[in-house]
Amino acid sequence: MRIAIGADHAGFDLKQIIGAYLRHLGHEVIDKGTDSDAPVDYPDFAEAVSIVVRDGVLICGSGVGASVAANKIPGIRAGLCHDTYSARQGVEHDDMNMLVLGARVIGVELARTLVDSFLAGNFTGEERHRRRVAKIQGLEQRYGKTA
């Protein structure tokens, strides 16, 4: 699977670890930066990851800013997750396509476990879930990119 990954300066170290982990699992990783821990702005990396592929991992200090920014991109359903249930259920029920992690909130082992849960999930396609995702898409259409 092709997976894009990106982070701001606060998430740089964890991005490097998770990128290596994903490669170890056999995934093609598209690293959209940042390339150091020098201060940068997380919206730039949320956009860079979101427009490359529709499956990705974003990391910033808390995960909140990257999640907010990524969800401004039409077609992105980003979820900030700190537990395995949410990481998998977000994919299965909400067709989540972007996992967001807070590098200052979780440790490396939990981050790996969350990535595993995210990747193990598959959208169920049940009618109620399709209906809800369609409503999300309707919100994007009604309110546009600036919502």
N, C-alpha and C. Protein backbone atom coordinates (compact mmCIF):
# COMPACT_ATOMS: atom_id res chain seq x y z
N MET A 1 0.84 -1.17 0.00
CA MET A 1 0.00 0.00 0.00
C MET A 1 0.89 1.24 0.00
N ARG A 2 0.46 2.25 -0.73
CA ARG A 2 1.14 3.55 -0.72
C ARG A 2 0.58 4.38 0.42
N ILE A 3 1.44 4.83 1.29
CA ILE A 3 1.03 5.62 2.44
C ILE A 3 1.88 6.87 2.50
N ALA A 4 1.22 8.02 2.53
CA ALA A 4 1.94 9.28 2.69
C ALA A 4 2.09 9.55 4.18
N ILE A 5 3.18 10.19 4.53
CA ILE A 5 3.44 10.53 5.93
C ILE A 5 4.04 11.93 5.97
N GLY A 6 3.68 12.66 7.00
CA GLY A 6 4.22 14.00 7.16
C GLY A 6 4.08 14.46 8.59
N ALA A 7 4.87 15.45 8.95
CA ALA A 7 4.86 15.96 10.31
C ALA A 7 5.42 17.37 10.34
N ASP A 8 5.07 18.07 11.39
CA ASP A 8 5.75 19.33 11.65
C ASP A 8 6.99 19.04 12.48
N HIS A 9 7.65 20.08 12.96
CA HIS A 9 8.88 19.90 13.72
C HIS A 9 8.67 19.09 15.00
N ALA A 10 7.51 19.25 15.64
CA ALA A 10 7.25 18.52 16.88
C ALA A 10 7.05 17.03 16.64
N GLY A 11 6.63 16.68 15.44
CA GLY A 11 6.40 15.28 15.11
C GLY A 11 7.50 14.65 14.29
N PHE A 12 8.56 15.41 14.01
CA PHE A 12 9.63 14.92 13.13
C PHE A 12 10.22 13.59 13.58
N ASP A 13 10.62 13.48 14.82
CA ASP A 13 11.26 12.23 15.29
C ASP A 13 10.32 11.04 15.18
N LEU A 14 9.07 11.22 15.59
CA LEU A 14 8.11 10.12 15.50
C LEU A 14 7.81 9.78 14.04
N LYS A 15 7.78 10.78 13.17
CA LYS A 15 7.57 10.52 11.74
C LYS A 15 8.68 9.63 11.19
N GLN A 16 9.90 9.89 11.57
CA GLN A 16 11.02 9.08 11.10
C GLN A 16 10.85 7.62 11.55
N ILE A 17 10.45 7.43 12.79
CA ILE A 17 10.27 6.09 13.33
C ILE A 17 9.11 5.38 12.65
N ILE A 18 7.98 6.07 12.51
CA ILE A 18 6.80 5.46 11.89
C ILE A 18 7.04 5.20 10.40
N GLY A 19 7.73 6.09 9.73
CA GLY A 19 8.06 5.85 8.32
C GLY A 19 8.90 4.59 8.16
N ALA A 20 9.91 4.42 8.99
CA ALA A 20 10.74 3.22 8.94
C ALA A 20 9.91 1.97 9.27
N TYR A 21 9.01 2.11 10.22
CA TYR A 21 8.14 0.98 10.59
C TYR A 21 7.25 0.57 9.42
N LEU A 22 6.66 1.54 8.76
CA LEU A 22 5.80 1.25 7.61
C LEU A 22 6.59 0.58 6.48
N ARG A 23 7.79 1.06 6.24
CA ARG A 23 8.64 0.43 5.22
C ARG A 23 8.96 -1.01 5.61
N HIS A 24 9.25 -1.24 6.88
CA HIS A 24 9.53 -2.58 7.39
C HIS A 24 8.34 -3.50 7.14
N LEU A 25 7.13 -2.96 7.23
CA LEU A 25 5.93 -3.76 6.98
C LEU A 25 5.68 -3.99 5.49
N GLY A 26 6.50 -3.37 4.64
CA GLY A 26 6.39 -3.58 3.21
C GLY A 26 5.60 -2.53 2.46
N HIS A 27 5.25 -1.43 3.11
CA HIS A 27 4.49 -0.37 2.46
C HIS A 27 5.41 0.60 1.72
N GLU A 28 4.90 1.19 0.67
CA GLU A 28 5.60 2.27 -0.02
C GLU A 28 5.27 3.55 0.73
N VAL A 29 6.27 4.20 1.28
CA VAL A 29 6.07 5.40 2.08
C VAL A 29 6.48 6.62 1.28
N ILE A 30 5.57 7.56 1.21
CA ILE A 30 5.83 8.84 0.55
C ILE A 30 5.99 9.87 1.65
N ASP A 31 7.20 10.26 1.92
CA ASP A 31 7.52 11.18 3.01
C ASP A 31 7.43 12.61 2.49
N LYS A 32 6.46 13.35 3.00
CA LYS A 32 6.25 14.73 2.56
C LYS A 32 6.84 15.76 3.53
N GLY A 33 7.74 15.31 4.41
CA GLY A 33 8.44 16.24 5.29
C GLY A 33 7.73 16.38 6.62
N THR A 34 8.28 17.15 7.42
CA THR A 34 9.44 17.99 7.36
C THR A 34 10.70 17.14 7.48
N ASP A 35 11.81 17.75 7.19
CA ASP A 35 13.07 17.01 7.17
C ASP A 35 13.99 17.32 8.35
N SER A 36 13.46 18.03 9.34
CA SER A 36 14.27 18.34 10.53
C SER A 36 13.33 18.78 11.64
N ASP A 37 13.92 19.12 12.78
CA ASP A 37 13.11 19.61 13.89
C ASP A 37 13.10 21.14 13.95
N ALA A 38 13.51 21.78 12.86
CA ALA A 38 13.41 23.24 12.78
C ALA A 38 11.94 23.64 12.68
N PRO A 39 11.52 24.69 13.37
CA PRO A 39 10.11 25.08 13.39
C PRO A 39 9.52 25.29 12.00
N VAL A 40 8.36 24.67 11.78
CA VAL A 40 7.58 24.79 10.55
C VAL A 40 6.10 24.83 10.94
N ASP A 41 5.24 25.03 9.97
CA ASP A 41 3.81 25.13 10.22
C ASP A 41 3.08 23.86 9.78
N TYR A 42 2.37 23.23 10.71
CA TYR A 42 1.72 21.95 10.43
C TYR A 42 0.71 21.99 9.28
N PRO A 43 -0.01 23.11 9.00
CA PRO A 43 -0.94 23.06 7.87
C PRO A 43 -0.26 22.75 6.53
N ASP A 44 0.98 23.16 6.39
CA ASP A 44 1.70 22.90 5.14
C ASP A 44 1.88 21.40 4.92
N PHE A 45 2.13 20.66 5.98
CA PHE A 45 2.37 19.23 5.86
C PHE A 45 1.07 18.44 5.81
N ALA A 46 0.04 18.96 6.46
CA ALA A 46 -1.28 18.34 6.35
C ALA A 46 -1.74 18.40 4.89
N GLU A 47 -1.54 19.53 4.24
CA GLU A 47 -1.92 19.66 2.84
C GLU A 47 -1.04 18.76 1.96
N ALA A 48 0.25 18.77 2.19
CA ALA A 48 1.17 17.99 1.36
C ALA A 48 0.83 16.50 1.40
N VAL A 49 0.51 15.99 2.56
CA VAL A 49 0.16 14.57 2.68
C VAL A 49 -1.21 14.31 2.06
N SER A 50 -2.15 15.18 2.31
CA SER A 50 -3.54 14.96 1.88
C SER A 50 -3.72 14.97 0.37
N ILE A 51 -2.91 15.72 -0.34
CA ILE A 51 -3.11 15.78 -1.79
C ILE A 51 -2.34 14.71 -2.56
N VAL A 52 -1.48 13.97 -1.88
CA VAL A 52 -0.69 12.94 -2.57
C VAL A 52 -1.48 11.66 -2.73
N VAL A 53 -1.96 11.14 -1.64
CA VAL A 53 -2.75 9.91 -1.64
C VAL A 53 -3.86 10.07 -0.62
N ARG A 54 -4.81 9.19 -0.65
CA ARG A 54 -5.92 9.29 0.29
C ARG A 54 -5.75 8.39 1.50
N ASP A 55 -4.56 7.86 1.72
CA ASP A 55 -4.25 7.11 2.93
C ASP A 55 -2.97 7.69 3.49
N GLY A 56 -3.01 8.13 4.74
CA GLY A 56 -1.80 8.73 5.26
C GLY A 56 -1.77 8.81 6.77
N VAL A 57 -0.61 9.23 7.25
CA VAL A 57 -0.37 9.44 8.67
C VAL A 57 0.21 10.83 8.84
N LEU A 58 -0.41 11.61 9.69
CA LEU A 58 0.07 12.95 10.00
C LEU A 58 0.44 13.01 11.47
N ILE A 59 1.49 13.75 11.78
CA ILE A 59 1.95 13.85 13.15
C ILE A 59 2.31 15.31 13.45
N CYS A 60 1.79 15.80 14.56
CA CYS A 60 2.25 17.09 15.07
C CYS A 60 2.35 16.94 16.58
N GLY A 61 2.58 18.00 17.29
CA GLY A 61 2.78 17.90 18.73
C GLY A 61 1.61 17.26 19.45
N SER A 62 0.42 17.83 19.29
CA SER A 62 -0.77 17.29 19.94
C SER A 62 -1.61 16.44 18.98
N GLY A 63 -1.45 16.67 17.70
CA GLY A 63 -2.29 16.02 16.69
C GLY A 63 -3.51 16.84 16.33
N VAL A 64 -3.87 17.78 17.18
CA VAL A 64 -5.09 18.56 16.96
C VAL A 64 -4.98 19.45 15.72
N GLY A 65 -3.92 20.23 15.64
CA GLY A 65 -3.77 21.15 14.51
C GLY A 65 -3.71 20.43 13.18
N ALA A 66 -2.95 19.35 13.12
CA ALA A 66 -2.84 18.60 11.86
C ALA A 66 -4.18 18.00 11.48
N SER A 67 -4.94 17.54 12.46
CA SER A 67 -6.26 16.99 12.19
C SER A 67 -7.21 18.05 11.63
N VAL A 68 -7.22 19.21 12.27
CA VAL A 68 -8.08 20.30 11.80
C VAL A 68 -7.70 20.69 10.37
N ALA A 69 -6.41 20.85 10.11
CA ALA A 69 -5.96 21.26 8.78
C ALA A 69 -6.28 20.21 7.72
N ALA A 70 -6.01 18.96 8.00
CA ALA A 70 -6.26 17.90 7.01
C ALA A 70 -7.73 17.79 6.67
N ASN A 71 -8.59 17.99 7.64
CA ASN A 71 -10.02 17.88 7.39
C ASN A 71 -10.58 19.03 6.56
N LYS A 72 -9.77 20.01 6.26
CA LYS A 72 -10.18 21.08 5.35
C LYS A 72 -10.03 20.66 3.89
N ILE A 73 -9.30 19.58 3.64
CA ILE A 73 -9.08 19.10 2.27
C ILE A 73 -10.24 18.21 1.88
N PRO A 74 -10.95 18.54 0.80
CA PRO A 74 -12.07 17.69 0.38
C PRO A 74 -11.63 16.24 0.19
N GLY A 75 -12.43 15.33 0.70
CA GLY A 75 -12.15 13.91 0.57
C GLY A 75 -11.34 13.33 1.70
N ILE A 76 -10.78 14.17 2.55
CA ILE A 76 -9.99 13.68 3.68
C ILE A 76 -10.91 13.54 4.89
N ARG A 77 -10.79 12.40 5.52
CA ARG A 77 -11.48 12.13 6.77
C ARG A 77 -10.40 11.71 7.77
N ALA A 78 -9.85 12.73 8.43
CA ALA A 78 -8.73 12.53 9.35
C ALA A 78 -9.25 12.35 10.76
N GLY A 79 -8.66 11.41 11.48
CA GLY A 79 -9.02 11.18 12.86
C GLY A 79 -7.81 11.19 13.76
N LEU A 80 -7.88 11.98 14.81
CA LEU A 80 -6.85 12.02 15.84
C LEU A 80 -7.14 10.87 16.79
N CYS A 81 -6.24 9.92 16.88
CA CYS A 81 -6.48 8.71 17.68
C CYS A 81 -5.40 8.51 18.72
N HIS A 82 -5.87 8.11 19.90
CA HIS A 82 -4.98 7.76 21.00
C HIS A 82 -5.24 6.34 21.49
N ASP A 83 -6.19 5.64 20.86
CA ASP A 83 -6.52 4.28 21.26
C ASP A 83 -6.79 3.44 20.02
N THR A 84 -6.57 2.14 20.15
CA THR A 84 -6.69 1.24 19.00
C THR A 84 -8.12 1.10 18.51
N TYR A 85 -9.09 1.15 19.41
CA TYR A 85 -10.48 1.04 18.98
C TYR A 85 -10.83 2.15 17.99
N SER A 86 -10.49 3.39 18.33
CA SER A 86 -10.81 4.53 17.46
C SER A 86 -10.05 4.45 16.14
N ALA A 87 -8.80 4.01 16.18
CA ALA A 87 -7.99 3.93 14.96
C ALA A 87 -8.59 2.94 13.97
N ARG A 88 -9.10 1.83 14.46
CA ARG A 88 -9.69 0.83 13.56
C ARG A 88 -11.14 1.15 13.23
N GLN A 89 -11.92 1.49 14.23
CA GLN A 89 -13.33 1.78 14.03
C GLN A 89 -13.53 3.01 13.14
N GLY A 90 -12.61 3.97 13.22
CA GLY A 90 -12.70 5.14 12.35
C GLY A 90 -12.63 4.76 10.88
N VAL A 91 -11.86 3.75 10.57
CA VAL A 91 -11.78 3.25 9.19
C VAL A 91 -13.03 2.45 8.86
N GLU A 92 -13.40 1.53 9.76
CA GLU A 92 -14.50 0.61 9.49
C GLU A 92 -15.85 1.32 9.36
N HIS A 93 -16.11 2.32 10.19
CA HIS A 93 -17.42 2.98 10.20
C HIS A 93 -17.43 4.31 9.48
N ASP A 94 -16.34 5.08 9.56
CA ASP A 94 -16.32 6.44 9.05
C ASP A 94 -15.47 6.60 7.79
N ASP A 95 -14.92 5.51 7.31
CA ASP A 95 -14.05 5.52 6.14
C ASP A 95 -12.90 6.51 6.31
N MET A 96 -12.37 6.57 7.55
CA MET A 96 -11.25 7.44 7.87
C MET A 96 -10.06 7.06 6.99
N ASN A 97 -9.44 8.06 6.37
CA ASN A 97 -8.32 7.76 5.48
C ASN A 97 -7.02 8.46 5.91
N MET A 98 -7.07 9.14 7.04
CA MET A 98 -5.87 9.81 7.53
C MET A 98 -5.81 9.62 9.04
N LEU A 99 -4.76 8.96 9.50
CA LEU A 99 -4.53 8.78 10.94
C LEU A 99 -3.67 9.94 11.41
N VAL A 100 -4.10 10.60 12.47
CA VAL A 100 -3.34 11.71 13.03
C VAL A 100 -2.88 11.32 14.43
N LEU A 101 -1.60 11.58 14.69
CA LEU A 101 -0.99 11.23 15.97
C LEU A 101 -0.38 12.47 16.62
N GLY A 102 -0.42 12.50 17.94
CA GLY A 102 0.20 13.57 18.70
C GLY A 102 1.51 13.08 19.30
N ALA A 103 2.62 13.55 18.76
CA ALA A 103 3.94 13.07 19.19
C ALA A 103 4.25 13.41 20.65
N ARG A 104 3.66 14.48 21.16
CA ARG A 104 3.91 14.87 22.54
C ARG A 104 2.90 14.23 23.50
N VAL A 105 2.00 13.42 22.94
CA VAL A 105 0.92 12.84 23.73
C VAL A 105 1.06 11.33 23.88
N ILE A 106 1.58 10.68 22.84
CA ILE A 106 1.70 9.23 22.86
C ILE A 106 3.16 8.83 22.66
N GLY A 107 3.48 7.61 23.04
CA GLY A 107 4.83 7.09 22.87
C GLY A 107 4.96 6.31 21.57
N VAL A 108 6.18 5.91 21.29
CA VAL A 108 6.49 5.22 20.04
C VAL A 108 5.73 3.89 19.91
N GLU A 109 5.72 3.10 20.97
CA GLU A 109 5.05 1.79 20.87
C GLU A 109 3.56 1.94 20.63
N LEU A 110 2.92 2.88 21.30
CA LEU A 110 1.50 3.11 21.05
C LEU A 110 1.30 3.61 19.63
N ALA A 111 2.17 4.47 19.15
CA ALA A 111 2.06 4.96 17.78
C ALA A 111 2.11 3.81 16.78
N ARG A 112 3.02 2.88 16.97
CA ARG A 112 3.10 1.72 16.08
C ARG A 112 1.82 0.90 16.14
N THR A 113 1.31 0.70 17.34
CA THR A 113 0.08 -0.08 17.52
C THR A 113 -1.11 0.62 16.86
N LEU A 114 -1.17 1.94 16.96
CA LEU A 114 -2.24 2.70 16.32
C LEU A 114 -2.15 2.60 14.80
N VAL A 115 -0.95 2.66 14.26
CA VAL A 115 -0.75 2.50 12.82
C VAL A 115 -1.23 1.11 12.39
N ASP A 116 -0.89 0.08 13.16
CA ASP A 116 -1.34 -1.28 12.85
C ASP A 116 -2.87 -1.36 12.84
N SER A 117 -3.51 -0.76 13.83
CA SER A 117 -4.98 -0.79 13.91
C SER A 117 -5.60 -0.04 12.74
N PHE A 118 -5.05 1.11 12.41
CA PHE A 118 -5.54 1.90 11.27
C PHE A 118 -5.43 1.09 9.98
N LEU A 119 -4.29 0.47 9.76
CA LEU A 119 -4.08 -0.30 8.53
C LEU A 119 -4.90 -1.58 8.49
N ALA A 120 -5.25 -2.13 9.64
CA ALA A 120 -6.03 -3.37 9.69
C ALA A 120 -7.51 -3.12 9.41
N GLY A 121 -7.95 -1.89 9.54
CA GLY A 121 -9.36 -1.59 9.32
C GLY A 121 -9.71 -1.54 7.85
N ASN A 122 -10.92 -1.95 7.56
CA ASN A 122 -11.49 -1.84 6.22
C ASN A 122 -12.89 -1.29 6.35
N PHE A 123 -13.23 -0.34 5.51
CA PHE A 123 -14.57 0.24 5.54
C PHE A 123 -15.58 -0.88 5.31
N THR A 124 -16.56 -0.99 6.19
CA THR A 124 -17.52 -2.09 6.11
C THR A 124 -18.47 -1.94 4.93
N GLY A 125 -18.74 -0.72 4.54
CA GLY A 125 -19.67 -0.49 3.44
C GLY A 125 -21.11 -0.72 3.81
N GLU A 126 -21.38 -0.94 5.10
CA GLU A 126 -22.77 -1.12 5.52
C GLU A 126 -23.56 0.13 5.16
N GLU A 127 -24.85 -0.05 4.89
CA GLU A 127 -25.70 1.05 4.43
C GLU A 127 -25.64 2.24 5.37
N ARG A 128 -25.72 2.01 6.68
CA ARG A 128 -25.71 3.13 7.62
C ARG A 128 -24.40 3.90 7.57
N HIS A 129 -23.30 3.21 7.34
CA HIS A 129 -22.00 3.88 7.27
C HIS A 129 -21.85 4.61 5.93
N ARG A 130 -22.29 4.00 4.84
CA ARG A 130 -22.26 4.69 3.55
C ARG A 130 -23.11 5.96 3.59
N ARG A 131 -24.27 5.87 4.22
CA ARG A 131 -25.18 7.01 4.33
C ARG A 131 -24.49 8.15 5.09
N ARG A 132 -23.81 7.82 6.17
CA ARG A 132 -23.17 8.85 7.00
C ARG A 132 -21.98 9.48 6.28
N VAL A 133 -21.21 8.67 5.59
CA VAL A 133 -20.08 9.22 4.82
C VAL A 133 -20.61 10.11 3.69
N ALA A 134 -21.70 9.71 3.08
CA ALA A 134 -22.32 10.55 2.04
C ALA A 134 -22.75 11.89 2.62
N LYS A 135 -23.24 11.90 3.85
CA LYS A 135 -23.62 13.16 4.48
C LYS A 135 -22.40 14.04 4.73
N ILE A 136 -21.28 13.43 5.09
CA ILE A 136 -20.03 14.19 5.25
C ILE A 136 -19.63 14.81 3.92
N GLN A 137 -19.73 14.02 2.86
CA GLN A 137 -19.41 14.53 1.52
C GLN A 137 -20.35 15.66 1.13
N GLY A 138 -21.61 15.56 1.55
CA GLY A 138 -22.57 16.63 1.30
C GLY A 138 -22.18 17.91 2.00
N LEU A 139 -21.65 17.80 3.21
CA LEU A 139 -21.17 18.98 3.92
C LEU A 139 -20.03 19.65 3.15
N GLU A 140 -19.12 18.83 2.63
CA GLU A 140 -18.01 19.38 1.84
C GLU A 140 -18.53 20.15 0.63
N GLN A 141 -19.52 19.58 -0.03
CA GLN A 141 -20.07 20.22 -1.23
C GLN A 141 -20.83 21.51 -0.89
N ARG A 142 -21.60 21.49 0.19
CA ARG A 142 -22.37 22.67 0.57
C ARG A 142 -21.51 23.83 1.04
N TYR A 143 -20.47 23.52 1.79
CA TYR A 143 -19.71 24.58 2.41
C TYR A 143 -18.35 24.82 1.77
N GLY A 144 -17.96 23.98 0.85
CA GLY A 144 -16.72 24.20 0.11
C GLY A 144 -15.47 24.05 0.94
N LYS A 145 -14.37 24.43 0.36
CA LYS A 145 -13.04 24.25 0.94
C LYS A 145 -12.79 25.13 2.16
N THR A 146 -13.56 26.17 2.35
CA THR A 146 -13.28 27.09 3.44
C THR A 146 -14.09 26.80 4.70
N ALA A 147 -14.83 25.70 4.71
CA ALA A 147 -15.67 25.39 5.87
C ALA A 147 -14.85 25.17 7.12
